[in-house]
C-alpha atoms as a PDB file:
ATOM      1  CA  VAL A   1     -17.355  -7.561 188.866  1.00  0.00           C
ATOM      2  CA  GLN A   2     -18.183  -4.320 190.662  1.00  0.00           C
ATOM      3  CA  LEU A   3     -21.675  -2.875 190.350  1.00  0.00           C
ATOM      4  CA  GLN A   4     -22.784   0.730 190.830  1.00  0.00           C
ATOM      5  CA  ALA A   5     -26.501   1.465 190.934  1.00  0.00           C
ATOM      6  CA  SER A   6     -27.859   4.946 190.329  1.00  0.00           C
ATOM      7  CA  GLY A   7     -30.937   6.832 189.211  1.00  0.00           C
ATOM      8  CA  GLY A   8     -33.104   6.695 192.296  1.00  0.00           C
ATOM      9  CA  GLY A   9     -34.957   9.691 193.632  1.00  0.00           C
ATOM     10  CA  LEU A  10     -38.272  11.147 194.683  1.00  0.00           C
ATOM     11  CA  VAL A  11     -41.150  10.959 192.222  1.00  0.00           C
ATOM     12  CA  GLN A  12     -44.894  11.376 192.410  1.00  0.00           C
ATOM     13  CA  ALA A  13     -47.233   8.456 191.907  1.00  0.00           C
ATOM     14  CA  GLY A  14     -47.736   7.831 188.217  1.00  0.00           C
ATOM     15  CA  GLY A  15     -44.293   9.129 187.362  1.00  0.00           C
ATOM     16  CA  SER A  16     -41.248   7.397 185.915  1.00  0.00           C
ATOM     17  CA  LEU A  17     -37.626   6.754 186.790  1.00  0.00           C
ATOM     18  CA  ARG A  18     -34.827   4.898 185.086  1.00  0.00           C
ATOM     19  CA  LEU A  19     -32.315   3.075 187.217  1.00  0.00           C
ATOM     20  CA  SER A  20     -28.880   2.195 185.932  1.00  0.00           C
ATOM     21  CA  CYS A  21     -26.429  -0.420 187.092  1.00  0.00           C
ATOM     22  CA  ALA A  22     -22.941   0.119 185.744  1.00  0.00           C
ATOM     23  CA  ALA A  23     -20.566  -2.818 185.909  1.00  0.00           C
ATOM     24  CA  SER A  24     -16.825  -2.948 185.796  1.00  0.00           C
ATOM     25  CA  GLY A  25     -14.969  -6.007 184.676  1.00  0.00           C
ATOM     26  CA  ARG A  26     -14.505  -7.754 181.391  1.00  0.00           C
ATOM     27  CA  THR A  27     -16.835 -10.625 182.258  1.00  0.00           C
ATOM     28  CA  PHE A  28     -19.987  -8.557 182.701  1.00  0.00           C
ATOM     29  CA  SER A  29     -21.529  -9.922 179.523  1.00  0.00           C
ATOM     30  CA  ASN A  30     -21.325 -13.458 180.924  1.00  0.00           C
ATOM     31  CA  TYR A  31     -23.623 -12.691 183.836  1.00  0.00           C
ATOM     32  CA  ASN A  32     -27.354 -12.791 184.213  1.00  0.00           C
ATOM     33  CA  MET A  33     -28.534  -9.672 186.011  1.00  0.00           C
ATOM     34  CA  GLY A  34     -31.293  -8.989 188.461  1.00  0.00           C
ATOM     35  CA  TRP A  35     -32.932  -6.055 190.176  1.00  0.00           C
ATOM     36  CA  PHE A  36     -34.222  -6.534 193.696  1.00  0.00           C
ATOM     37  CA  ARG A  37     -35.781  -4.109 196.135  1.00  0.00           C
ATOM     38  CA  GLN A  38     -36.127  -3.866 199.851  1.00  0.00           C
ATOM     39  CA  ALA A  39     -38.685  -1.717 201.606  1.00  0.00           C
ATOM     40  CA  PRO A  40     -38.297  -0.818 205.302  1.00  0.00           C
ATOM     41  CA  GLY A  41     -39.105  -3.781 207.494  1.00  0.00           C
ATOM     42  CA  LYS A  42     -39.516  -6.132 204.563  1.00  0.00           C
ATOM     43  CA  GLU A  43     -37.492  -8.849 202.907  1.00  0.00           C
ATOM     44  CA  ARG A  44     -35.509  -8.121 199.778  1.00  0.00           C
ATOM     45  CA  GLU A  45     -37.641  -9.191 196.842  1.00  0.00           C
ATOM     46  CA  PHE A  46     -37.043  -9.948 193.184  1.00  0.00           C
ATOM     47  CA  VAL A  47     -38.207  -7.243 190.774  1.00  0.00           C
ATOM     48  CA  ALA A  48     -36.789  -8.055 187.343  1.00  0.00           C
ATOM     49  CA  GLY A  49     -34.088 -10.122 185.698  1.00  0.00           C
ATOM     50  CA  ILE A  50     -32.378 -10.450 182.357  1.00  0.00           C
ATOM     51  CA  ASN A  51     -30.198 -13.190 180.993  1.00  0.00           C
ATOM     52  CA  TRP A  52     -26.625 -12.731 179.791  1.00  0.00           C
ATOM     53  CA  SER A  53     -27.601 -12.107 176.159  1.00  0.00           C
ATOM     54  CA  GLY A  54     -30.578  -9.876 176.861  1.00  0.00           C
ATOM     55  CA  GLY A  55     -32.812 -12.314 175.090  1.00  0.00           C
ATOM     56  CA  ARG A  56     -34.838 -13.296 178.130  1.00  0.00           C
ATOM     57  CA  THR A  57     -36.418 -11.074 180.721  1.00  0.00           C
ATOM     58  CA  TYR A  58     -38.319 -11.888 183.885  1.00  0.00           C
ATOM     59  CA  TYR A  59     -40.588  -9.790 186.078  1.00  0.00           C
ATOM     60  CA  ALA A  60     -42.334  -9.995 189.385  1.00  0.00           C
ATOM     61  CA  ASP A  61     -46.107  -9.919 188.980  1.00  0.00           C
ATOM     62  CA  SER A  62     -46.272  -6.670 190.926  1.00  0.00           C
ATOM     63  CA  VAL A  63     -44.262  -4.783 188.283  1.00  0.00           C
ATOM     64  CA  LYS A  64     -45.168  -6.620 185.091  1.00  0.00           C
ATOM     65  CA  GLY A  65     -46.360  -4.189 182.445  1.00  0.00           C
ATOM     66  CA  ARG A  66     -44.895  -1.190 184.279  1.00  0.00           C
ATOM     67  CA  PHE A  67     -41.167  -1.956 184.531  1.00  0.00           C
ATOM     68  CA  THR A  68     -38.755  -2.892 181.763  1.00  0.00           C
ATOM     69  CA  ILE A  69     -35.293  -4.331 182.243  1.00  0.00           C
ATOM     70  CA  SER A  70     -32.672  -4.049 179.531  1.00  0.00           C
ATOM     71  CA  ARG A  71     -28.920  -4.231 179.138  1.00  0.00           C
ATOM     72  CA  ASP A  72     -26.308  -2.559 176.984  1.00  0.00           C
ATOM     73  CA  SER A  73     -23.243  -4.766 176.882  1.00  0.00           C
ATOM     74  CA  ALA A  74     -21.216  -2.122 175.064  1.00  0.00           C
ATOM     75  CA  LYS A  75     -21.720   0.166 178.067  1.00  0.00           C
ATOM     76  CA  ASN A  76     -21.604  -2.630 180.662  1.00  0.00           C
ATOM     77  CA  THR A  77     -24.880  -1.333 182.031  1.00  0.00           C
ATOM     78  CA  VAL A  78     -28.240  -2.752 182.986  1.00  0.00           C
ATOM     79  CA  TYR A  79     -31.294  -0.518 183.152  1.00  0.00           C
ATOM     80  CA  LEU A  80     -34.622  -0.665 184.900  1.00  0.00           C
ATOM     81  CA  GLN A  81     -37.213   1.623 183.354  1.00  0.00           C
ATOM     82  CA  MET A  82     -39.989   2.153 185.872  1.00  0.00           C
ATOM     83  CA  ASN A  83     -43.259   3.680 184.718  1.00  0.00           C
ATOM     84  CA  SER A  84     -46.597   4.248 186.434  1.00  0.00           C
ATOM     85  CA  LEU A  85     -44.883   4.211 189.785  1.00  0.00           C
ATOM     86  CA  LYS A  86     -46.916   3.553 192.897  1.00  0.00           C
ATOM     87  CA  PRO A  87     -46.213   4.391 196.537  1.00  0.00           C
ATOM     88  CA  GLU A  88     -45.721   0.672 197.195  1.00  0.00           C
ATOM     89  CA  ASP A  89     -42.733   0.738 194.835  1.00  0.00           C
ATOM     90  CA  THR A  90     -40.874   2.787 197.425  1.00  0.00           C
ATOM     91  CA  ALA A  91     -37.740   0.867 198.388  1.00  0.00           C
ATOM     92  CA  VAL A  92     -34.000   0.641 198.035  1.00  0.00           C
ATOM     93  CA  TYR A  93     -33.283  -0.981 194.685  1.00  0.00           C
ATOM     94  CA  TYR A  94     -30.283  -3.233 194.224  1.00  0.00           C
ATOM     95  CA  CYS A  95     -28.754  -4.766 191.141  1.00  0.00           C
ATOM     96  CA  GLY A  96     -27.018  -8.097 191.267  1.00  0.00           C
ATOM     97  CA  ALA A  97     -25.071 -10.436 189.011  1.00  0.00           C
ATOM     98  CA  THR A  98     -25.346 -14.206 188.890  1.00  0.00           C
ATOM     99  CA  PHE A  99     -24.517 -17.134 186.639  1.00  0.00           C
ATOM    100  CA  ARG A 100     -27.737 -18.792 187.778  1.00  0.00           C
ATOM    101  CA  ASP A 101     -31.337 -18.125 186.789  1.00  0.00           C
ATOM    102  CA  PRO A 102     -31.831 -14.481 187.868  1.00  0.00           C
ATOM    103  CA  ARG A 103     -35.449 -15.032 188.858  1.00  0.00           C
ATOM    104  CA  LYS A 104     -35.164 -18.339 190.690  1.00  0.00           C
ATOM    105  CA  THR A 105     -31.927 -17.551 192.478  1.00  0.00           C
ATOM    106  CA  GLY A 106     -32.404 -16.085 195.912  1.00  0.00           C
ATOM    107  CA  TRP A 107     -30.786 -12.737 196.503  1.00  0.00           C
ATOM    108  CA  SER A 108     -28.339 -14.208 199.000  1.00  0.00           C
ATOM    109  CA  SER A 109     -26.970 -16.515 196.312  1.00  0.00           C
ATOM    110  CA  TYR A 110     -26.135 -13.792 193.838  1.00  0.00           C
ATOM    111  CA  ASP A 111     -22.433 -13.428 193.176  1.00  0.00           C
ATOM    112  CA  TYR A 112     -22.165  -9.632 193.201  1.00  0.00           C
ATOM    113  CA  TRP A 113     -24.279  -6.721 194.433  1.00  0.00           C
ATOM    114  CA  GLY A 114     -24.342  -2.991 193.913  1.00  0.00           C
ATOM    115  CA  GLN A 115     -24.783  -0.598 196.800  1.00  0.00           C
ATOM    116  CA  GLY A 116     -28.457   0.212 196.241  1.00  0.00           C
ATOM    117  CA  THR A 117     -30.330   3.316 195.176  1.00  0.00           C
ATOM    118  CA  LEU A 118     -33.367   4.727 196.978  1.00  0.00           C
ATOM    119  CA  VAL A 119     -36.655   5.185 195.140  1.00  0.00           C
ATOM    120  CA  THR A 120     -39.386   7.117 196.929  1.00  0.00           C
ATOM    121  CA  VAL A 121     -42.832   7.423 195.377  1.00  0.00           C
ATOM    122  CA  SER A 122     -45.143   9.968 196.965  1.00  0.00           C
ATOM    123  CA  SER A 123     -48.921   9.689 196.805  1.00  0.00           C
END
């Protein structure tokens, strides 16, 4: 599976962005997917996850109620809708694929990663 993240950019605090993660490969629908982010000087952290069917979603407390993860298996794409953005959301966002629990699995144990997309939120 190859992953391509896109949709990052510069936005003012309170604004919205939608990230996309396009996957290639016939087995995309078998994978649980996760979004992580890494701010300068910080560890990569879990943001949101979704199981293979789309029936279960998981969120970090810091984004709960503001971010929504979804997937479109027909388009082999996972989305992260980010609303009410804050300056502390500024980071490079990565999407990953795993057969394991997307929330409990550390980022280093994910099977595949996209290249990352930069989100900058100005105050």
